[in-house]
Amino acid sequence: MEIGDRLKQARNEQKLTQENLAEQLGVSRQTISNWENNRSYPDIINLIALSKIYAISLDDLLMEDRKMIEHLEESTNTVKSGQRLFRRVLIGVYLIIWAMTVIAFWLGSCFDSNFSSYPFGVLNMVLYVCTLIISIFIGHDDDWGIYKWLMPCFFAAMHLLVSWLTYYLSMVIVHISDSRHGIILPYLDMDIILPGFACSMVGVLLGMVFKNFLKK
């Protein structure tokens, strides 16, 4: 017996019409008909919902249906590939904004000696907002695993690196151009590290809260 026949049999045992079932799942009646006639297959989310409605296990529904199992494997791989791509896009967007902040500092400094004050502060705020938003997505995604809790350290380090590649490097250039002796050592500015870490941590926690709220 193919899965479509088992779905139809299970629905009849529960004395549900296709319209009733479609309403519970939030799909069209035609979709239910397609599943039961093996013209298409339910995805894993709908399959789990069906097993709950019919009060039968997924194993009993699948019954080693090779086509259905292959469909689920393909769907799962597609979802996982999409999730991996989305994570790369998130980090890529952050790195682009991060790089633009550094480039804007040096371009702005070339045309405006006061650029390093207010305008660069605005760019830094944009970077913090970007950190918060991206961290919310990270917190919402359980597949980040342990890396979810390491990302605040990453963002804190990136904020510090911005400071090194802008203010610190400009100080070094001025120091060298004035033929001053001695070496200016990189500084660990906690006023930059801690806000970057805290901003990301708040974002991760918010993402986890949103995920738990949506589950309810």
Protein backbone atom coordinates (compact mmCIF):
# COMPACT_ATOMS: atom_id res chain seq x y z
CA MET A 1 0.00 0.00 0.00
CA GLU A 2 1.41 3.38 -1.01
CA ILE A 3 1.42 6.32 1.35
CA GLY A 4 -1.48 8.00 -0.46
CA ASP A 5 -3.69 4.99 0.25
CA ARG A 6 -2.59 4.92 3.89
CA LEU A 7 -3.36 8.63 4.26
CA LYS A 8 -6.83 8.14 2.79
CA GLN A 9 -7.49 5.12 4.97
CA ALA A 10 -6.33 6.96 8.11
CA ARG A 11 -8.52 9.97 7.26
CA ASN A 12 -11.57 7.78 6.78
CA GLU A 13 -10.89 6.05 10.10
CA GLN A 14 -10.93 9.46 11.78
CA LYS A 15 -14.17 10.29 9.91
CA LEU A 16 -12.68 13.44 8.42
CA THR A 17 -13.48 14.90 5.01
CA GLN A 18 -10.76 16.32 2.81
CA GLU A 19 -12.18 19.78 3.53
CA ASN A 20 -11.96 19.22 7.31
CA LEU A 21 -8.39 18.01 7.07
CA ALA A 22 -7.36 20.79 4.71
CA GLU A 23 -8.71 23.37 7.15
CA GLN A 24 -6.76 21.87 10.04
CA LEU A 25 -3.52 21.82 8.05
CA GLY A 26 -4.04 25.19 6.39
CA VAL A 27 -3.81 23.77 2.85
CA SER A 28 -6.27 23.40 0.00
CA ARG A 29 -8.61 20.43 -0.46
CA GLN A 30 -6.89 19.78 -3.80
CA THR A 31 -3.58 19.36 -1.97
CA ILE A 32 -5.10 16.66 0.23
CA SER A 33 -6.51 14.98 -2.86
CA ASN A 34 -3.09 15.06 -4.55
CA TRP A 35 -1.47 13.43 -1.51
CA GLU A 36 -4.06 10.66 -1.34
CA ASN A 37 -3.78 9.97 -5.06
CA ASN A 38 0.04 9.91 -4.95
CA ARG A 39 0.30 12.87 -7.30
CA SER A 40 2.43 14.71 -4.73
CA TYR A 41 3.80 14.12 -1.25
CA PRO A 42 3.38 16.05 2.01
CA ASP A 43 6.50 17.69 3.38
CA ILE A 44 7.93 16.67 6.74
CA ILE A 45 6.01 19.40 8.63
CA ASN A 46 2.65 18.30 7.22
CA LEU A 47 3.58 14.66 7.66
CA ILE A 48 4.19 15.22 11.37
CA ALA A 49 0.89 17.11 11.62
CA LEU A 50 -0.91 14.25 9.87
CA SER A 51 0.56 11.68 12.24
CA LYS A 52 -0.77 13.70 15.19
CA ILE A 53 -4.23 14.16 13.67
CA TYR A 54 -4.49 10.49 12.76
CA ALA A 55 -2.87 9.39 16.05
CA ILE A 56 -0.43 7.07 14.27
CA SER A 57 3.35 7.06 14.17
CA LEU A 58 5.44 8.29 11.26
CA ASP A 59 6.80 4.76 10.84
CA ASP A 60 3.27 3.43 10.32
CA LEU A 61 2.54 6.19 7.83
CA LEU A 62 5.71 5.66 5.83
CA MET A 63 5.88 1.86 6.07
CA GLU A 64 9.20 1.94 4.20
CA ASP A 65 7.63 3.68 1.21
CA ARG A 66 10.79 4.16 -0.86
CA LYS A 67 9.47 7.03 -2.95
CA MET A 68 8.22 8.92 0.07
CA ILE A 69 11.46 8.41 1.98
CA GLU A 70 13.45 9.66 -1.02
CA HIS A 71 11.13 12.66 -1.24
CA LEU A 72 11.67 13.47 2.44
CA GLU A 73 15.44 13.07 2.12
CA GLU A 74 15.47 15.38 -0.90
CA SER A 75 13.26 17.93 0.86
CA THR A 76 15.41 17.80 4.00
CA ASN A 77 18.62 18.24 2.00
CA THR A 78 17.08 21.19 0.16
CA VAL A 79 16.04 22.83 3.43
CA LYS A 80 19.48 22.25 4.98
CA SER A 81 21.20 23.68 1.90
CA GLY A 82 18.96 26.73 2.07
CA GLN A 83 19.71 27.18 5.76
CA ARG A 84 23.47 26.92 5.18
CA LEU A 85 23.23 29.47 2.37
CA PHE A 86 21.21 31.83 4.58
CA ARG A 87 23.85 31.62 7.33
CA ARG A 88 26.59 32.46 4.84
CA VAL A 89 24.54 35.38 3.53
CA LEU A 90 24.07 36.70 7.08
CA ILE A 91 27.80 36.66 7.81
CA GLY A 92 28.54 38.01 4.32
CA VAL A 93 26.21 40.97 4.84
CA TYR A 94 27.84 41.73 8.17
CA LEU A 95 31.35 41.56 6.69
CA ILE A 96 30.35 43.89 3.85
CA ILE A 97 28.93 46.47 6.27
CA TRP A 98 31.99 46.02 8.49
CA ALA A 99 34.35 46.61 5.54
CA MET A 100 32.33 49.62 4.39
CA THR A 101 32.70 51.14 7.86
CA VAL A 102 36.50 50.90 7.67
CA ILE A 103 36.64 52.16 4.07
CA ALA A 104 34.29 55.05 4.85
CA PHE A 105 36.53 56.12 7.74
CA TRP A 106 39.58 56.46 5.51
CA LEU A 107 37.73 57.99 2.58
CA GLY A 108 36.01 60.44 4.89
CA SER A 109 39.27 61.33 6.62
CA CYS A 110 40.84 62.19 3.26
CA PHE A 111 38.21 64.87 2.58
CA ASP A 112 37.22 65.94 6.08
CA SER A 113 39.61 66.14 9.02
CA ASN A 114 36.64 66.03 11.41
CA PHE A 115 35.17 62.89 9.86
CA SER A 116 36.49 60.66 12.64
CA SER A 117 34.16 62.27 15.17
CA TYR A 118 30.41 62.38 14.51
CA PRO A 119 30.06 60.69 11.05
CA PHE A 120 32.20 57.71 12.05
CA GLY A 121 30.18 57.41 15.26
CA VAL A 122 27.05 57.05 13.13
CA LEU A 123 28.71 54.31 11.08
CA ASN A 124 29.63 52.51 14.29
CA MET A 125 26.00 52.68 15.42
CA VAL A 126 24.95 51.13 12.10
CA LEU A 127 27.43 48.31 12.76
CA TYR A 128 25.96 47.74 16.23
CA VAL A 129 22.42 47.62 14.82
CA CYS A 130 23.60 45.17 12.15
CA THR A 131 25.20 43.03 14.90
CA LEU A 132 21.95 43.00 16.87
CA ILE A 133 19.75 42.05 13.89
CA ILE A 134 22.06 39.29 12.64
CA SER A 135 22.42 37.92 16.18
CA ILE A 136 18.62 37.67 16.43
CA PHE A 137 18.61 35.42 13.35
CA ILE A 138 21.46 33.39 14.86
CA GLY A 139 19.58 32.96 18.13
CA HIS A 140 16.47 31.86 16.23
CA ASP A 141 18.38 29.13 14.36
CA ASP A 142 19.12 26.06 16.52
CA ASP A 143 21.43 24.63 13.86
CA TRP A 144 24.15 27.09 14.91
CA GLY A 145 24.66 24.79 17.90
CA ILE A 146 27.54 25.78 20.19
CA TYR A 147 28.65 28.41 17.68
CA LYS A 148 25.57 30.40 18.67
CA TRP A 149 27.30 31.24 21.95
CA LEU A 150 30.67 31.91 20.32
CA MET A 151 29.30 34.49 17.89
CA PRO A 152 29.15 37.30 20.52
CA CYS A 153 32.91 36.85 20.93
CA PHE A 154 33.31 37.03 17.15
CA PHE A 155 31.31 40.26 16.91
CA ALA A 156 33.18 41.79 19.86
CA ALA A 157 36.49 40.97 18.14
CA MET A 158 35.26 42.46 14.86
CA HIS A 159 34.25 45.70 16.59
CA LEU A 160 37.68 45.89 18.19
CA LEU A 161 39.30 45.21 14.81
CA VAL A 162 37.38 48.14 13.33
CA SER A 163 38.88 50.35 16.01
CA TRP A 164 42.38 49.03 15.27
CA LEU A 165 42.02 49.54 11.51
CA THR A 166 40.74 53.09 11.94
CA TYR A 167 41.71 55.09 15.05
CA TYR A 168 44.72 52.99 16.05
CA LEU A 169 46.15 52.83 12.53
CA SER A 170 45.64 56.57 12.02
CA MET A 171 47.56 57.18 15.27
CA VAL A 172 50.39 54.97 14.02
CA ILE A 173 50.54 56.85 10.71
CA VAL A 174 50.67 60.23 12.48
CA HIS A 175 53.29 58.85 14.88
CA ILE A 176 55.50 57.70 11.99
CA SER A 177 54.98 60.83 9.90
CA ASP A 178 56.08 63.00 12.85
CA SER A 179 59.24 60.85 13.20
CA ARG A 180 58.41 60.04 16.79
CA HIS A 181 60.30 57.30 18.59
CA GLY A 182 58.74 54.30 20.24
CA ILE A 183 56.06 51.85 19.22
CA ILE A 184 52.36 52.35 19.72
CA LEU A 185 50.93 49.04 20.92
CA PRO A 186 47.40 47.92 20.01
CA TYR A 187 44.94 48.60 22.79
CA LEU A 188 42.10 46.50 24.15
CA ASP A 189 39.36 49.08 24.43
CA MET A 190 36.67 47.56 26.66
CA ASP A 191 34.34 50.44 25.72
CA ILE A 192 34.26 48.83 22.27
CA ILE A 193 34.59 45.14 23.14
CA LEU A 194 31.87 44.98 25.80
CA PRO A 195 29.13 46.82 23.81
CA GLY A 196 29.84 44.61 20.80
CA PHE A 197 29.65 41.46 22.92
CA ALA A 198 26.54 42.64 24.78
CA CYS A 199 24.77 43.71 21.59
CA SER A 200 25.28 40.28 20.04
CA MET A 201 24.35 38.41 23.22
CA VAL A 202 21.10 40.38 23.53
CA GLY A 203 20.34 39.58 19.89
CA VAL A 204 20.96 35.85 20.40
CA LEU A 205 18.73 35.77 23.47
CA LEU A 206 15.98 37.71 21.67
CA GLY A 207 16.16 35.25 18.78
CA MET A 208 15.73 32.32 21.18
CA VAL A 209 12.78 34.05 22.88
CA PHE A 210 11.11 34.70 19.50
CA LYS A 211 11.60 31.06 18.51
CA ASN A 212 10.04 29.76 21.73
CA PHE A 213 7.17 32.25 21.38
CA LEU A 214 6.44 31.11 17.83
CA LYS A 215 6.44 27.47 18.95
CA LYS A 216 3.59 28.29 21.30
